[in-house]
């Protein structure tokens, strides 16, 4: 999957280069296909502590907060 191809190296690279503890991934609302695939990928990623898709003032339900280890 394309999402897995570019998301994994991005998270690993950013964690190694900088002290980043949170990423906000903006996926939009739509039919939820991208959000669902993103969540599937994040569930098994070693660098991800947890993530949520709670409503946010700025993005509504169209963004996922990813908390890194």
C-alpha atoms as a PDB file:
ATOM      1  CA  UNK A   1       0.000   0.000   0.000  1.00  0.00           C
ATOM      2  CA  UNK A   2       1.223   3.479  -0.835  1.00  0.00           C
ATOM      3  CA  UNK A   3       0.274   4.811   2.604  1.00  0.00           C
ATOM      4  CA  UNK A   4       2.501   2.260   4.336  1.00  0.00           C
ATOM      5  CA  UNK A   5       5.345   3.001   1.930  1.00  0.00           C
ATOM      6  CA  UNK A   6       5.698   6.686   2.775  1.00  0.00           C
ATOM      7  CA  UNK A   7       4.244   6.897   6.299  1.00  0.00           C
ATOM      8  CA  UNK A   8       6.590   4.424   8.017  1.00  0.00           C
ATOM      9  CA  UNK A   9       9.855   6.018   6.858  1.00  0.00           C
ATOM     10  CA  UNK A  10       8.484   9.506   7.591  1.00  0.00           C
ATOM     11  CA  UNK A  11       7.618   8.712  11.213  1.00  0.00           C
ATOM     12  CA  UNK A  12      10.912   6.902  11.819  1.00  0.00           C
ATOM     13  CA  UNK A  13      12.967   9.670  10.207  1.00  0.00           C
ATOM     14  CA  UNK A  14      11.239  12.488  12.109  1.00  0.00           C
ATOM     15  CA  UNK A  15      11.602  10.680  15.432  1.00  0.00           C
ATOM     16  CA  UNK A  16      15.306  10.122  14.843  1.00  0.00           C
ATOM     17  CA  UNK A  17      16.063  13.662  13.637  1.00  0.00           C
ATOM     18  CA  UNK A  18      14.012  15.679  16.078  1.00  0.00           C
ATOM     19  CA  UNK A  19      12.374  15.329  19.457  1.00  0.00           C
ATOM     20  CA  UNK A  20       8.840  15.049  18.093  1.00  0.00           C
ATOM     21  CA  UNK A  21       6.179  13.523  20.296  1.00  0.00           C
ATOM     22  CA  UNK A  22       3.041  14.246  18.258  1.00  0.00           C
ATOM     23  CA  UNK A  23       2.049  14.434  14.595  1.00  0.00           C
ATOM     24  CA  UNK A  24      -1.334  15.598  13.318  1.00  0.00           C
ATOM     25  CA  UNK A  25      -2.252  13.801  10.102  1.00  0.00           C
ATOM     26  CA  UNK A  26      -4.979  15.659   8.209  1.00  0.00           C
ATOM     27  CA  UNK A  27      -7.014  13.154   6.205  1.00  0.00           C
ATOM     28  CA  UNK A  28     -10.333  14.959   5.814  1.00  0.00           C
ATOM     29  CA  UNK A  29     -13.746  13.460   6.500  1.00  0.00           C
ATOM     30  CA  UNK A  30     -15.135  12.029   3.259  1.00  0.00           C
ATOM     31  CA  UNK A  31     -16.059   8.346   3.384  1.00  0.00           C
ATOM     32  CA  UNK A  32     -13.344   7.487   5.922  1.00  0.00           C
ATOM     33  CA  UNK A  33     -11.264   5.247   3.650  1.00  0.00           C
ATOM     34  CA  UNK A  34      -7.964   7.098   4.187  1.00  0.00           C
ATOM     35  CA  UNK A  35      -8.601   7.477   7.925  1.00  0.00           C
ATOM     36  CA  UNK A  36      -9.368   3.769   8.289  1.00  0.00           C
ATOM     37  CA  UNK A  37      -6.237   2.745   6.366  1.00  0.00           C
ATOM     38  CA  UNK A  38      -4.116   5.191   8.371  1.00  0.00           C
ATOM     39  CA  UNK A  39      -5.438   3.741  11.641  1.00  0.00           C
ATOM     40  CA  UNK A  40      -4.737   0.186  10.423  1.00  0.00           C
ATOM     41  CA  UNK A  41      -1.127   1.150   9.668  1.00  0.00           C
ATOM     42  CA  UNK A  42      -0.654   3.014  12.967  1.00  0.00           C
ATOM     43  CA  UNK A  43      -1.918   0.080  15.077  1.00  0.00           C
ATOM     44  CA  UNK A  44       1.168  -1.958  14.226  1.00  0.00           C
ATOM     45  CA  UNK A  45       3.829   0.774  13.937  1.00  0.00           C
ATOM     46  CA  UNK A  46       6.590   0.405  16.543  1.00  0.00           C
ATOM     47  CA  UNK A  47       7.093   4.167  16.956  1.00  0.00           C
ATOM     48  CA  UNK A  48       3.406   4.909  17.700  1.00  0.00           C
ATOM     49  CA  UNK A  49       2.414   5.091  21.363  1.00  0.00           C
ATOM     50  CA  UNK A  50      -1.263   5.774  20.595  1.00  0.00           C
ATOM     51  CA  UNK A  51      -3.474   7.823  18.321  1.00  0.00           C
ATOM     52  CA  UNK A  52      -6.952   9.312  18.346  1.00  0.00           C
ATOM     53  CA  UNK A  53      -9.468  10.872  16.032  1.00  0.00           C
ATOM     54  CA  UNK A  54     -11.266  13.105  18.536  1.00  0.00           C
ATOM     55  CA  UNK A  55     -13.055  16.240  17.357  1.00  0.00           C
ATOM     56  CA  UNK A  56     -10.689  19.222  17.176  1.00  0.00           C
ATOM     57  CA  UNK A  57     -11.548  22.908  16.848  1.00  0.00           C
ATOM     58  CA  UNK A  58      -9.279  23.343  13.843  1.00  0.00           C
ATOM     59  CA  UNK A  59      -9.995  20.112  11.906  1.00  0.00           C
ATOM     60  CA  UNK A  60     -13.235  18.629  13.260  1.00  0.00           C
ATOM     61  CA  UNK A  61     -13.049  14.852  12.785  1.00  0.00           C
ATOM     62  CA  UNK A  62     -10.820  15.253   9.705  1.00  0.00           C
ATOM     63  CA  UNK A  63      -7.475  14.727  11.472  1.00  0.00           C
ATOM     64  CA  UNK A  64      -5.799  12.055  13.572  1.00  0.00           C
ATOM     65  CA  UNK A  65      -3.373  12.906  16.381  1.00  0.00           C
ATOM     66  CA  UNK A  66      -0.485  10.456  16.466  1.00  0.00           C
ATOM     67  CA  UNK A  67       1.544  10.266  19.690  1.00  0.00           C
ATOM     68  CA  UNK A  68       5.037   8.866  19.248  1.00  0.00           C
ATOM     69  CA  UNK A  69       7.271   6.944  21.652  1.00  0.00           C
END
